[in-house]
PDB file of N, CA and C in Angstrom:
ATOM      1  N   MET A   1     -11.254  78.166  66.571  1.00  0.00           N
ATOM      2  CA  MET A   1     -11.689  78.530  67.890  1.00  0.00           C
ATOM      3  C   MET A   1     -10.610  78.305  68.927  1.00  0.00           C
ATOM      4  N   SER A   2      -9.888  77.223  68.800  1.00  0.00           N
ATOM      5  CA  SER A   2      -8.858  76.943  69.788  1.00  0.00           C
ATOM      6  C   SER A   2      -7.764  78.009  69.757  1.00  0.00           C
ATOM      7  N   ALA A   3      -7.582  78.638  68.612  1.00  0.00           N
ATOM      8  CA  ALA A   3      -6.589  79.707  68.507  1.00  0.00           C
ATOM      9  C   ALA A   3      -7.021  80.907  69.322  1.00  0.00           C
ATOM     10  N   VAL A   4      -8.324  81.170  69.394  1.00  0.00           N
ATOM     11  CA  VAL A   4      -8.838  82.311  70.160  1.00  0.00           C
ATOM     12  C   VAL A   4      -8.627  82.058  71.654  1.00  0.00           C
ATOM     13  N   ILE A   5      -8.870  80.843  72.074  1.00  0.00           N
ATOM     14  CA  ILE A   5      -8.709  80.507  73.486  1.00  0.00           C
ATOM     15  C   ILE A   5      -7.251  80.629  73.885  1.00  0.00           C
ATOM     16  N   SER A   6      -6.372  80.130  73.065  1.00  0.00           N
ATOM     17  CA  SER A   6      -4.956  80.212  73.405  1.00  0.00           C
ATOM     18  C   SER A   6      -4.500  81.665  73.432  1.00  0.00           C
ATOM     19  N   THR A   7      -5.083  82.536  72.600  1.00  0.00           N
ATOM     20  CA  THR A   7      -4.733  83.952  72.591  1.00  0.00           C
ATOM     21  C   THR A   7      -5.162  84.594  73.899  1.00  0.00           C
ATOM     22  N   LYS A   8      -6.358  84.224  74.396  1.00  0.00           N
ATOM     23  CA  LYS A   8      -6.827  84.779  75.663  1.00  0.00           C
ATOM     24  C   LYS A   8      -5.910  84.351  76.807  1.00  0.00           C
ATOM     25  N   ARG A   9      -5.475  83.137  76.748  1.00  0.00           N
ATOM     26  CA  ARG A   9      -4.596  82.669  77.808  1.00  0.00           C
ATOM     27  C   ARG A   9      -3.300  83.470  77.818  1.00  0.00           C
ATOM     28  N   ILE A  10      -2.771  83.741  76.681  1.00  0.00           N
ATOM     29  CA  ILE A  10      -1.535  84.521  76.595  1.00  0.00           C
ATOM     30  C   ILE A  10      -1.788  85.922  77.123  1.00  0.00           C
ATOM     31  N   GLU A  11      -2.933  86.489  76.743  1.00  0.00           N
ATOM     32  CA  GLU A  11      -3.243  87.837  77.218  1.00  0.00           C
ATOM     33  C   GLU A  11      -3.421  87.853  78.726  1.00  0.00           C
ATOM     34  N   MET A  12      -4.068  86.841  79.292  1.00  0.00           N
ATOM     35  CA  MET A  12      -4.296  86.809  80.729  1.00  0.00           C
ATOM     36  C   MET A  12      -2.988  86.595  81.484  1.00  0.00           C
ATOM     37  N   ASN A  13      -2.129  85.766  80.941  1.00  0.00           N
ATOM     38  CA  ASN A  13      -0.849  85.537  81.606  1.00  0.00           C
ATOM     39  C   ASN A  13       0.051  86.758  81.516  1.00  0.00           C
ATOM     40  N   SER A  14      -0.092  87.541  80.521  1.00  0.00           N
ATOM     41  CA  SER A  14       0.787  88.690  80.352  1.00  0.00           C
ATOM     42  C   SER A  14       0.166  89.969  80.921  1.00  0.00           C
ATOM     43  N   PHE A  15      -0.750  89.815  81.854  1.00  0.00           N
ATOM     44  CA  PHE A  15      -1.390  90.987  82.459  1.00  0.00           C
ATOM     45  C   PHE A  15      -0.345  91.848  83.150  1.00  0.00           C
ATOM     46  N   LYS A  16       0.527  91.194  83.921  1.00  0.00           N
ATOM     47  CA  LYS A  16       1.628  91.923  84.552  1.00  0.00           C
ATOM     48  C   LYS A  16       2.905  91.443  83.879  1.00  0.00           C
ATOM     49  N   ASN A  17       3.591  92.336  83.312  1.00  0.00           N
ATOM     50  CA  ASN A  17       4.846  91.971  82.654  1.00  0.00           C
ATOM     51  C   ASN A  17       5.963  92.048  83.697  1.00  0.00           C
ATOM     52  N   THR A  18       6.060  91.018  84.509  1.00  0.00           N
ATOM     53  CA  THR A  18       7.111  90.999  85.523  1.00  0.00           C
ATOM     54  C   THR A  18       8.059  89.866  85.207  1.00  0.00           C
ATOM     55  N   ASP A  19       9.306  90.152  85.397  1.00  0.00           N
ATOM     56  CA  ASP A  19      10.267  89.086  85.215  1.00  0.00           C
ATOM     57  C   ASP A  19      10.682  88.548  86.586  1.00  0.00           C
ATOM     58  N   PHE A  20      11.559  87.622  86.597  1.00  0.00           N
ATOM     59  CA  PHE A  20      11.931  86.947  87.830  1.00  0.00           C
ATOM     60  C   PHE A  20      12.557  87.913  88.831  1.00  0.00           C
ATOM     61  N   ALA A  21      13.372  88.820  88.374  1.00  0.00           N
ATOM     62  CA  ALA A  21      14.038  89.783  89.262  1.00  0.00           C
ATOM     63  C   ALA A  21      13.008  90.669  89.952  1.00  0.00           C
ATOM     64  N   ASP A  22      11.947  91.084  89.228  1.00  0.00           N
ATOM     65  CA  ASP A  22      10.900  91.912  89.838  1.00  0.00           C
ATOM     66  C   ASP A  22      10.194  91.140  90.950  1.00  0.00           C
ATOM     67  N   ARG A  23       9.921  89.895  90.694  1.00  0.00           N
ATOM     68  CA  ARG A  23       9.252  89.084  91.719  1.00  0.00           C
ATOM     69  C   ARG A  23      10.148  88.885  92.934  1.00  0.00           C
ATOM     70  N   LEU A  24      11.434  88.694  92.738  1.00  0.00           N
ATOM     71  CA  LEU A  24      12.369  88.556  93.859  1.00  0.00           C
ATOM     72  C   LEU A  24      12.420  89.834  94.685  1.00  0.00           C
ATOM     73  N   ARG A  25      12.466  90.989  93.994  1.00  0.00           N
ATOM     74  CA  ARG A  25      12.482  92.272  94.698  1.00  0.00           C
ATOM     75  C   ARG A  25      11.200  92.473  95.504  1.00  0.00           C
ATOM     76  N   ALA A  26      10.064  92.115  94.924  1.00  0.00           N
ATOM     77  CA  ALA A  26       8.782  92.270  95.624  1.00  0.00           C
ATOM     78  C   ALA A  26       8.751  91.364  96.856  1.00  0.00           C
ATOM     79  N   SER A  27       9.261  90.160  96.731  1.00  0.00           N
ATOM     80  CA  SER A  27       9.306  89.241  97.866  1.00  0.00           C
ATOM     81  C   SER A  27      10.232  89.778  98.961  1.00  0.00           C
ATOM     82  N   ALA A  28      11.387  90.274  98.574  1.00  0.00           N
ATOM     83  CA  ALA A  28      12.334  90.823  99.550  1.00  0.00           C
ATOM     84  C   ALA A  28      11.737  92.035 100.254  1.00  0.00           C
ATOM     85  N   ASN A  29      11.063  92.901  99.500  1.00  0.00           N
ATOM     86  CA  ASN A  29      10.435  94.081 100.107  1.00  0.00           C
ATOM     87  C   ASN A  29       9.327  93.673 101.089  1.00  0.00           C
ATOM     88  N   ALA A  30       8.558  92.651 100.758  1.00  0.00           N
ATOM     89  CA  ALA A  30       7.499  92.182 101.651  1.00  0.00           C
ATOM     90  C   ALA A  30       8.109  91.621 102.934  1.00  0.00           C
ATOM     91  N   LYS A  31       9.204  90.879 102.812  1.00  0.00           N
ATOM     92  CA  LYS A  31       9.868  90.336 103.997  1.00  0.00           C
ATOM     93  C   LYS A  31      10.423  91.456 104.865  1.00  0.00           C
ATOM     94  N   LYS A  32      11.005  92.484 104.255  1.00  0.00           N
ATOM     95  CA  LYS A  32      11.525  93.625 105.012  1.00  0.00           C
ATOM     96  C   LYS A  32      10.398  94.337 105.747  1.00  0.00           C
ATOM     97  N   ALA A  33       9.266  94.489 105.075  1.00  0.00           N
ATOM     98  CA  ALA A  33       8.127  95.160 105.702  1.00  0.00           C
ATOM     99  C   ALA A  33       7.638  94.363 106.913  1.00  0.00           C
ATOM    100  N   MET A  34       7.615  93.049 106.781  1.00  0.00           N
ATOM    101  CA  MET A  34       7.184  92.214 107.914  1.00  0.00           C
ATOM    102  C   MET A  34       8.156  92.332 109.078  1.00  0.00           C
ATOM    103  N   VAL A  35       9.453  92.320 108.778  1.00  0.00           N
ATOM    104  CA  VAL A  35      10.464  92.445 109.828  1.00  0.00           C
ATOM    105  C   VAL A  35      10.352  93.789 110.521  1.00  0.00           C
ATOM    106  N   GLU A  36      10.182  94.852 109.763  1.00  0.00           N
ATOM    107  CA  GLU A  36      10.038  96.194 110.342  1.00  0.00           C
ATOM    108  C   GLU A  36       8.791  96.291 111.209  1.00  0.00           C
ATOM    109  N   LYS A  37       7.728  95.657 110.787  1.00  0.00           N
ATOM    110  CA  LYS A  37       6.486  95.667 111.562  1.00  0.00           C
ATOM    111  C   LYS A  37       6.702  94.973 112.906  1.00  0.00           C
ATOM    112  N   ILE A  38       7.432  93.875 112.891  1.00  0.00           N
ATOM    113  CA  ILE A  38       7.708  93.153 114.136  1.00  0.00           C
ATOM    114  C   ILE A  38       8.645  93.954 115.026  1.00  0.00           C
ATOM    115  N   ARG A  39       9.656  94.581 114.426  1.00  0.00           N
ATOM    116  CA  ARG A  39      10.613  95.385 115.205  1.00  0.00           C
ATOM    117  C   ARG A  39       9.945  96.611 115.807  1.00  0.00           C
ATOM    118  N   ALA A  40       8.933  97.134 115.165  1.00  0.00           N
ATOM    119  CA  ALA A  40       8.259  98.339 115.646  1.00  0.00           C
ATOM    120  C   ALA A  40       7.418  98.051 116.897  1.00  0.00           C
ATOM    121  N   GLN A  41       7.095  96.797 117.147  1.00  0.00           N
ATOM    122  CA  GLN A  41       6.295  96.461 118.328  1.00  0.00           C
ATOM    123  C   GLN A  41       7.134  96.653 119.584  1.00  0.00           C
ATOM    124  N   PRO A  42       6.490  97.040 120.686  1.00  0.00           N
ATOM    125  CA  PRO A  42       7.252  97.251 121.923  1.00  0.00           C
ATOM    126  C   PRO A  42       7.806  95.938 122.447  1.00  0.00           C
ATOM    127  N   GLY A  43       8.961  96.036 123.114  1.00  0.00           N
ATOM    128  CA  GLY A  43       9.635  94.842 123.613  1.00  0.00           C
ATOM    129  C   GLY A  43       9.181  94.476 125.015  1.00  0.00           C
ATOM    130  N   VAL A  44       9.909  93.553 125.628  1.00  0.00           N
ATOM    131  CA  VAL A  44       9.584  93.052 126.959  1.00  0.00           C
ATOM    132  C   VAL A  44       9.791  94.135 128.014  1.00  0.00           C
ATOM    133  N   ASN A  45      10.713  95.038 127.792  1.00  0.00           N
ATOM    134  CA  ASN A  45      11.026  96.074 128.777  1.00  0.00           C
ATOM    135  C   ASN A  45      10.064  97.253 128.713  1.00  0.00           C
ATOM    136  N   ASP A  46       9.141  97.232 127.805  1.00  0.00           N
ATOM    137  CA  ASP A  46       8.190  98.333 127.635  1.00  0.00           C
ATOM    138  C   ASP A  46       7.162  98.327 128.784  1.00  0.00           C
ATOM    139  N   PRO A  47       6.823  99.492 129.343  1.00  0.00           N
ATOM    140  CA  PRO A  47       5.825  99.538 130.425  1.00  0.00           C
ATOM    141  C   PRO A  47       4.448  99.044 129.974  1.00  0.00           C
ATOM    142  N   ALA A  48       4.095  99.274 128.723  1.00  0.00           N
ATOM    143  CA  ALA A  48       2.802  98.811 128.216  1.00  0.00           C
ATOM    144  C   ALA A  48       2.762  97.278 128.202  1.00  0.00           C
ATOM    145  N   PHE A  49       3.917  96.673 127.870  1.00  0.00           N
ATOM    146  CA  PHE A  49       3.987  95.216 127.873  1.00  0.00           C
ATOM    147  C   PHE A  49       3.789  94.682 129.291  1.00  0.00           C
ATOM    148  N   ALA A  50       4.445  95.311 130.261  1.00  0.00           N
ATOM    149  CA  ALA A  50       4.309  94.887 131.651  1.00  0.00           C
ATOM    150  C   ALA A  50       2.864  95.058 132.117  1.00  0.00           C
ATOM    151  N   GLU A  51       2.231  96.136 131.682  1.00  0.00           N
ATOM    152  CA  GLU A  51       0.839  96.376 132.053  1.00  0.00           C
ATOM    153  C   GLU A  51      -0.075  95.293 131.456  1.00  0.00           C
ATOM    154  N   ARG A  52       0.138  94.975 130.190  1.00  0.00           N
ATOM    155  CA  ARG A  52      -0.668  93.926 129.557  1.00  0.00           C
ATOM    156  C   ARG A  52      -0.437  92.572 130.234  1.00  0.00           C
ATOM    157  N   GLU A  53       0.815  92.306 130.575  1.00  0.00           N
ATOM    158  CA  GLU A  53       1.130  91.034 131.241  1.00  0.00           C
ATOM    159  C   GLU A  53       0.473  90.967 132.617  1.00  0.00           C
ATOM    160  N   ALA A  54       0.463  92.077 133.345  1.00  0.00           N
ATOM    161  CA  ALA A  54      -0.197  92.112 134.653  1.00  0.00           C
ATOM    162  C   ALA A  54      -1.703  91.892 134.491  1.00  0.00           C
ATOM    163  N   ALA A  55      -2.293  92.475 133.447  1.00  0.00           N
ATOM    164  CA  ALA A  55      -3.726  92.284 133.191  1.00  0.00           C
ATOM    165  C   ALA A  55      -4.008  90.820 132.863  1.00  0.00           C
ATOM    166  N   ARG A  56      -3.155  90.212 132.057  1.00  0.00           N
ATOM    167  CA  ARG A  56      -3.322  88.788 131.733  1.00  0.00           C
ATOM    168  C   ARG A  56      -3.217  87.927 132.989  1.00  0.00           C
ATOM    169  N   GLN A  57      -2.244  88.281 133.854  1.00  0.00           N
ATOM    170  CA  GLN A  57      -2.067  87.526 135.101  1.00  0.00           C
ATOM    171  C   GLN A  57      -3.309  87.661 135.984  1.00  0.00           C
ATOM    172  N   ALA A  58      -3.881  88.860 136.064  1.00  0.00           N
ATOM    173  CA  ALA A  58      -5.094  89.070 136.860  1.00  0.00           C
ATOM    174  C   ALA A  58      -6.256  88.262 136.289  1.00  0.00           C
ATOM    175  N   ILE A  59      -6.359  88.222 134.974  1.00  0.00           N
ATOM    176  CA  ILE A  59      -7.418  87.425 134.334  1.00  0.00           C
ATOM    177  C   ILE A  59      -7.212  85.951 134.634  1.00  0.00           C
ATOM    178  N   ARG A  60      -5.950  85.489 134.563  1.00  0.00           N
ATOM    179  CA  ARG A  60      -5.645  84.097 134.866  1.00  0.00           C
ATOM    180  C   ARG A  60      -6.032  83.741 136.300  1.00  0.00           C
ATOM    181  N   ILE A  61      -5.691  84.628 137.242  1.00  0.00           N
ATOM    182  CA  ILE A  61      -6.013  84.386 138.650  1.00  0.00           C
ATOM    183  C   ILE A  61      -7.525  84.347 138.848  1.00  0.00           C
ATOM    184  N   ALA A  62      -8.238  85.282 138.216  1.00  0.00           N
ATOM    185  CA  ALA A  62      -9.698  85.304 138.339  1.00  0.00           C
ATOM    186  C   ALA A  62     -10.310  84.046 137.737  1.00  0.00           C
ATOM    187  N   ARG A  63      -9.789  83.596 136.612  1.00  0.00           N
ATOM    188  CA  ARG A  63     -10.293  82.390 135.968  1.00  0.00           C
ATOM    189  C   ARG A  63     -10.069  81.174 136.876  1.00  0.00           C
ATOM    190  N   ASP A  64      -8.874  81.090 137.482  1.00  0.00           N
ATOM    191  CA  ASP A  64      -8.585  79.975 138.383  1.00  0.00           C
ATOM    192  C   ASP A  64      -9.492  80.015 139.608  1.00  0.00           C
ATOM    193  N   ALA A  65      -9.760  81.221 140.118  1.00  0.00           N
ATOM    194  CA  ALA A  65     -10.655  81.356 141.280  1.00  0.00           C
ATOM    195  C   ALA A  65     -12.065  80.903 140.919  1.00  0.00           C
ATOM    196  N   ARG A  66     -12.543  81.290 139.745  1.00  0.00           N
ATOM    197  CA  ARG A  66     -13.886  80.863 139.324  1.00  0.00           C
ATOM    198  C   ARG A  66     -13.949  79.350 139.152  1.00  0.00           C
ATOM    199  N   ALA A  67     -12.883  78.768 138.603  1.00  0.00           N
ATOM    200  CA  ALA A  67     -12.852  77.316 138.421  1.00  0.00           C
ATOM    201  C   ALA A  67     -12.867  76.611 139.773  1.00  0.00           C
ATOM    202  N   ALA A  68     -12.099  77.127 140.737  1.00  0.00           N
ATOM    203  CA  ALA A  68     -12.083  76.535 142.075  1.00  0.00           C
ATOM    204  C   ALA A  68     -13.452  76.679 142.735  1.00  0.00           C
ATOM    205  N   GLU A  69     -14.081  77.830 142.522  1.00  0.00           N
ATOM    206  CA  GLU A  69     -15.423  78.060 143.076  1.00  0.00           C
ATOM    207  C   GLU A  69     -16.432  77.074 142.484  1.00  0.00           C
ATOM    208  N   ARG A  70     -16.370  76.883 141.170  1.00  0.00           N
ATOM    209  CA  ARG A  70     -17.272  75.920 140.524  1.00  0.00           C
ATOM    210  C   ARG A  70     -17.022  74.509 141.050  1.00  0.00           C
ATOM    211  N   LYS A  71     -15.740  74.169 141.224  1.00  0.00           N
ATOM    212  CA  LYS A  71     -15.392  72.842 141.710  1.00  0.00           C
ATOM    213  C   LYS A  71     -15.917  72.640 143.126  1.00  0.00           C
ATOM    214  N   ALA A  72     -15.772  73.664 143.985  1.00  0.00           N
ATOM    215  CA  ALA A  72     -16.275  73.571 145.360  1.00  0.00           C
ATOM    216  C   ALA A  72     -17.798  73.464 145.370  1.00  0.00           C
ATOM    217  N   ALA A  73     -18.467  74.229 144.516  1.00  0.00           N
ATOM    218  CA  ALA A  73     -19.928  74.164 144.450  1.00  0.00           C
ATOM    219  C   ALA A  73     -20.377  72.788 143.977  1.00  0.00           C
ATOM    220  N   LEU A  74     -19.685  72.232 143.018  1.00  0.00           N
ATOM    221  CA  LEU A  74     -20.020  70.894 142.527  1.00  0.00           C
ATOM    222  C   LEU A  74     -19.807  69.855 143.622  1.00  0.00           C
ATOM    223  N   ALA A  75     -18.705  69.974 144.371  1.00  0.00           N
ATOM    224  CA  ALA A  75     -18.439  69.033 145.460  1.00  0.00           C
ATOM    225  C   ALA A  75     -19.515  69.148 146.532  1.00  0.00           C
ATOM    226  N   ALA A  76     -19.929  70.381 146.858  1.00  0.00           N
ATOM    227  CA  ALA A  76     -20.990  70.579 147.850  1.00  0.00           C
ATOM    228  C   ALA A  76     -22.302  69.995 147.352  1.00  0.00           C
ATOM    229  N   GLN A  77     -22.588  70.195 146.088  1.00  0.00           N
ATOM    230  CA  GLN A  77     -23.817  69.651 145.506  1.00  0.00           C
ATOM    231  C   GLN A  77     -23.787  68.121 145.535  1.00  0.00           C
ATOM    232  N   GLN A  78     -22.659  67.539 145.215  1.00  0.00           N
ATOM    233  CA  GLN A  78     -22.540  66.087 145.248  1.00  0.00           C
ATOM    234  C   GLN A  78     -22.666  65.565 146.674  1.00  0.00           C
ATOM    235  N   ALA A  79     -22.084  66.282 147.645  1.00  0.00           N
ATOM    236  CA  ALA A  79     -22.186  65.868 149.042  1.00  0.00           C
ATOM    237  C   ALA A  79     -23.636  65.937 149.511  1.00  0.00           C
ATOM    238  N   ALA A  80     -24.342  67.001 149.111  1.00  0.00           N
ATOM    239  CA  ALA A  80     -25.756  67.134 149.479  1.00  0.00           C
ATOM    240  C   ALA A  80     -26.583  66.009 148.853  1.00  0.00           C
ATOM    241  N   ALA A  81     -26.302  65.684 147.610  1.00  0.00           N
ATOM    242  CA  ALA A  81     -27.024  64.606 146.938  1.00  0.00           C
ATOM    243  C   ALA A  81     -26.723  63.270 147.617  1.00  0.00           C
ATOM    244  N   GLU A  82     -25.479  63.070 148.017  1.00  0.00           N
ATOM    245  CA  GLU A  82     -25.099  61.835 148.702  1.00  0.00           C
ATOM    246  C   GLU A  82     -25.798  61.748 150.063  1.00  0.00           C
ATOM    247  N   ALA A  83     -25.858  62.861 150.784  1.00  0.00           N
ATOM    248  CA  ALA A  83     -26.550  62.870 152.074  1.00  0.00           C
ATOM    249  C   ALA A  83     -28.034  62.596 151.887  1.00  0.00           C
ATOM    250  N   GLU A  84     -28.623  63.187 150.863  1.00  0.00           N
ATOM    251  CA  GLU A  84     -30.038  62.961 150.559  1.00  0.00           C
ATOM    252  C   GLU A  84     -30.287  61.493 150.241  1.00  0.00           C
ATOM    253  N   ARG A  85     -29.400  60.907 149.450  1.00  0.00           N
ATOM    254  CA  ARG A  85     -29.536  59.501 149.087  1.00  0.00           C
ATOM    255  C   ARG A  85     -29.395  58.610 150.319  1.00  0.00           C
ATOM    256  N   ALA A  86     -28.423  58.905 151.170  1.00  0.00           N
ATOM    257  CA  ALA A  86     -28.214  58.114 152.384  1.00  0.00           C
ATOM    258  C   ALA A  86     -29.432  58.229 153.308  1.00  0.00           C
ATOM    259  N   SER A  87     -29.966  59.450 153.421  1.00  0.00           N
ATOM    260  CA  SER A  87     -31.155  59.659 154.251  1.00  0.00           C
ATOM    261  C   SER A  87     -32.343  58.883 153.692  1.00  0.00           C
ATOM    262  N   ARG A  88     -32.514  58.933 152.393  1.00  0.00           N
ATOM    263  CA  ARG A  88     -33.620  58.216 151.752  1.00  0.00           C
ATOM    264  C   ARG A  88     -33.465  56.707 151.948  1.00  0.00           C
ATOM    265  N   GLU A  89     -32.237  56.205 151.785  1.00  0.00           N
ATOM    266  CA  GLU A  89     -31.998  54.776 151.987  1.00  0.00           C
ATOM    267  C   GLU A  89     -32.272  54.372 153.432  1.00  0.00           C
ATOM    268  N   ALA A  90     -31.869  55.236 154.393  1.00  0.00           N
ATOM    269  CA  ALA A  90     -32.106  54.932 155.802  1.00  0.00           C
ATOM    270  C   ALA A  90     -33.601  54.905 156.098  1.00  0.00           C
ATOM    271  N   SER A  91     -34.341  55.876 155.562  1.00  0.00           N
ATOM    272  CA  SER A  91     -35.781  55.896 155.801  1.00  0.00           C
ATOM    273  C   SER A  91     -36.463  54.707 155.129  1.00  0.00           C
ATOM    274  N   GLU A  92     -35.998  54.326 153.948  1.00  0.00           N
ATOM    275  CA  GLU A  92     -36.551  53.150 153.281  1.00  0.00           C
ATOM    276  C   GLU A  92     -36.250  51.885 154.072  1.00  0.00           C
ATOM    277  N   ALA A  93     -35.026  51.777 154.622  1.00  0.00           N
ATOM    278  CA  ALA A  93     -34.666  50.618 155.429  1.00  0.00           C
ATOM    279  C   ALA A  93     -35.518  50.569 156.697  1.00  0.00           C
ATOM    280  N   LEU A  94     -35.737  51.730 157.332  1.00  0.00           N
ATOM    281  CA  LEU A  94     -36.568  51.794 158.531  1.00  0.00           C
ATOM    282  C   LEU A  94     -38.000  51.395 158.204  1.00  0.00           C
ATOM    283  N   GLU A  95     -38.507  51.907 157.095  1.00  0.00           N
ATOM    284  CA  GLU A  95     -39.867  51.568 156.674  1.00  0.00           C
ATOM    285  C   GLU A  95     -39.983  50.072 156.374  1.00  0.00           C
ATOM    286  N   ALA A  96     -38.977  49.501 155.722  1.00  0.00           N
ATOM    287  CA  ALA A  96     -38.981  48.067 155.433  1.00  0.00           C
ATOM    288  C   ALA A  96     -38.948  47.254 156.721  1.00  0.00           C
ATOM    289  N   ALA A  97     -38.148  47.694 157.705  1.00  0.00           N
ATOM    290  CA  ALA A  97     -38.077  46.995 158.988  1.00  0.00           C
ATOM    291  C   ALA A  97     -39.419  47.070 159.710  1.00  0.00           C
ATOM    292  N   GLU A  98     -40.054  48.252 159.682  1.00  0.00           N
ATOM    293  CA  GLU A  98     -41.368  48.400 160.315  1.00  0.00           C
ATOM    294  C   GLU A  98     -42.400  47.513 159.619  1.00  0.00           C
ATOM    295  N   GLN A  99     -42.352  47.466 158.285  1.00  0.00           N
ATOM    296  CA  GLN A  99     -43.276  46.621 157.524  1.00  0.00           C
ATOM    297  C   GLN A  99     -43.069  45.152 157.884  1.00  0.00           C
ATOM    298  N   THR A 100     -41.817  44.739 157.990  1.00  0.00           N
ATOM    299  CA  THR A 100     -41.508  43.360 158.364  1.00  0.00           C
ATOM    300  C   THR A 100     -42.023  43.071 159.776  1.00  0.00           C
ATOM    301  N   ALA A 101     -41.833  44.017 160.698  1.00  0.00           N
ATOM    302  CA  ALA A 101     -42.319  43.835 162.072  1.00  0.00           C
ATOM    303  C   ALA A 101     -43.846  43.727 162.081  1.00  0.00           C
ATOM    304  N   ARG A 102     -44.544  44.555 161.298  1.00  0.00           N
ATOM    305  CA  ARG A 102     -46.009  44.482 161.214  1.00  0.00           C
ATOM    306  C   ARG A 102     -46.449  43.132 160.663  1.00  0.00           C
ATOM    307  N   GLU A 103     -45.756  42.674 159.621  1.00  0.00           N
ATOM    308  CA  GLU A 103     -46.104  41.379 159.034  1.00  0.00           C
ATOM    309  C   GLU A 103     -45.889  40.238 160.033  1.00  0.00           C
ATOM    310  N   VAL A 104     -44.781  40.303 160.786  1.00  0.00           N
ATOM    311  CA  VAL A 104     -44.500  39.275 161.792  1.00  0.00           C
ATOM    312  C   VAL A 104     -45.578  39.317 162.874  1.00  0.00           C
ATOM    313  N   ALA A 105     -45.949  40.533 163.318  1.00  0.00           N
ATOM    314  CA  ALA A 105     -46.986  40.667 164.349  1.00  0.00           C
ATOM    315  C   ALA A 105     -48.327  40.149 163.818  1.00  0.00           C
ATOM    316  N   LEU A 106     -48.663  40.477 162.597  1.00  0.00           N
ATOM    317  CA  LEU A 106     -49.919  40.024 161.999  1.00  0.00           C
ATOM    318  C   LEU A 106     -49.928  38.498 161.871  1.00  0.00           C
ATOM    319  N   GLU A 107     -48.808  37.946 161.457  1.00  0.00           N
ATOM    320  CA  GLU A 107     -48.716  36.492 161.340  1.00  0.00           C
ATOM    321  C   GLU A 107     -48.845  35.832 162.708  1.00  0.00           C
ATOM    322  N   ALA A 108     -48.221  36.429 163.730  1.00  0.00           N
ATOM    323  CA  ALA A 108     -48.339  35.888 165.091  1.00  0.00           C
ATOM    324  C   ALA A 108     -49.788  35.968 165.559  1.00  0.00           C
ATOM    325  N   GLU A 109     -50.456  37.090 165.242  1.00  0.00           N
ATOM    326  CA  GLU A 109     -51.864  37.256 165.611  1.00  0.00           C
ATOM    327  C   GLU A 109     -52.729  36.207 164.905  1.00  0.00           C
ATOM    328  N   ARG A 110     -52.487  35.976 163.634  1.00  0.00           N
ATOM    329  CA  ARG A 110     -53.236  34.963 162.885  1.00  0.00           C
ATOM    330  C   ARG A 110     -52.999  33.564 163.480  1.00  0.00           C
ATOM    331  N   LYS A 111     -51.732  33.281 163.835  1.00  0.00           N
ATOM    332  CA  LYS A 111     -51.400  31.981 164.413  1.00  0.00           C
ATOM    333  C   LYS A 111     -52.107  31.809 165.752  1.00  0.00           C
ATOM    334  N   ALA A 112     -52.098  32.875 166.561  1.00  0.00           N
ATOM    335  CA  ALA A 112     -52.768  32.793 167.864  1.00  0.00           C
ATOM    336  C   ALA A 112     -54.260  32.576 167.658  1.00  0.00           C
ATOM    337  N   SER A 113     -54.857  33.251 166.706  1.00  0.00           N
ATOM    338  CA  SER A 113     -56.280  33.098 166.418  1.00  0.00           C
ATOM    339  C   SER A 113     -56.555  31.674 165.930  1.00  0.00           C
ATOM    340  N   ARG A 114     -55.714  31.179 165.058  1.00  0.00           N
ATOM    341  CA  ARG A 114     -55.879  29.831 164.528  1.00  0.00           C
ATOM    342  C   ARG A 114     -55.737  28.805 165.651  1.00  0.00           C
ATOM    343  N   ASP A 115     -54.739  29.005 166.517  1.00  0.00           N
ATOM    344  CA  ASP A 115     -54.543  28.090 167.644  1.00  0.00           C
ATOM    345  C   ASP A 115     -55.729  28.121 168.598  1.00  0.00           C
ATOM    346  N   ALA A 116     -56.301  29.337 168.796  1.00  0.00           N
ATOM    347  CA  ALA A 116     -57.465  29.458 169.683  1.00  0.00           C
ATOM    348  C   ALA A 116     -58.650  28.711 169.086  1.00  0.00           C
ATOM    349  N   ARG A 117     -58.865  28.825 167.790  1.00  0.00           N
ATOM    350  CA  ARG A 117     -59.970  28.096 167.153  1.00  0.00           C
ATOM    351  C   ARG A 117     -59.744  26.591 167.262  1.00  0.00           C
ATOM    352  N   TYR A 118     -58.502  26.200 167.039  1.00  0.00           N
ATOM    353  CA  TYR A 118     -58.178  24.770 167.121  1.00  0.00           C
ATOM    354  C   TYR A 118     -58.424  24.262 168.546  1.00  0.00           C
ATOM    355  N   ALA A 119     -57.978  25.026 169.535  1.00  0.00           N
ATOM    356  CA  ALA A 119     -58.171  24.618 170.936  1.00  0.00           C
ATOM    357  C   ALA A 119     -59.670  24.569 171.269  1.00  0.00           C
ATOM    358  N   ALA A 120     -60.455  25.542 170.759  1.00  0.00           N
ATOM    359  CA  ALA A 120     -61.893  25.568 171.019  1.00  0.00           C
ATOM    360  C   ALA A 120     -62.538  24.353 170.374  1.00  0.00           C
ATOM    361  N   ARG A 121     -62.122  23.992 169.190  1.00  0.00           N
ATOM    362  CA  ARG A 121     -62.681  22.842 168.503  1.00  0.00           C
ATOM    363  C   ARG A 121     -62.340  21.559 169.285  1.00  0.00           C
ATOM    364  N   LYS A 122     -61.136  21.449 169.772  1.00  0.00           N
ATOM    365  CA  LYS A 122     -60.721  20.285 170.549  1.00  0.00           C
ATOM    366  C   LYS A 122     -61.515  20.225 171.851  1.00  0.00           C
ATOM    367  N   ALA A 123     -61.752  21.389 172.450  1.00  0.00           N
ATOM    368  CA  ALA A 123     -62.497  21.428 173.732  1.00  0.00           C
ATOM    369  C   ALA A 123     -63.925  20.986 173.509  1.00  0.00           C
ATOM    370  N   ARG A 124     -64.535  21.308 172.383  1.00  0.00           N
ATOM    371  CA  ARG A 124     -65.906  20.896 172.100  1.00  0.00           C
ATOM    372  C   ARG A 124     -65.984  19.389 171.885  1.00  0.00           C
ATOM    373  N   LYS A 125     -64.984  18.807 171.307  1.00  0.00           N
ATOM    374  CA  LYS A 125     -64.976  17.387 171.016  1.00  0.00           C
ATOM    375  C   LYS A 125     -64.836  16.568 172.315  1.00  0.00           C
ATOM    376  N   ARG A 126     -64.307  17.066 173.355  1.00  0.00           N
ATOM    377  CA  ARG A 126     -64.060  16.326 174.573  1.00  0.00           C
ATOM    378  C   ARG A 126     -65.241  16.250 175.387  1.00  0.00           C
TER     379      ARG A 126
END
């Protein structure tokens, strides 16, 4: 059985009967084809190249403008949120001050009432 497997391997390896020189020629031809393909492309002085470059520049400018617009919108949103927070803190501070004033007034009222009862009790004892 092992002889059959080794025979298949030989047959598979010998599918293309190429020697080293054939492989070198194929490699050289592929490299030449790649070089020719690159040379066939238009150069920097080509009007189509200038047109593509101008289009890329316009896209770049538009992208930068959109980024600046997003940045400005984010800054405005953050400023609005900061103003809202400051306003909320100010109203909370005002409400706390009013609550403290009410508590002080209520305590003063309770003290006055307590003092009046105490004075009335003292007046009855005399």
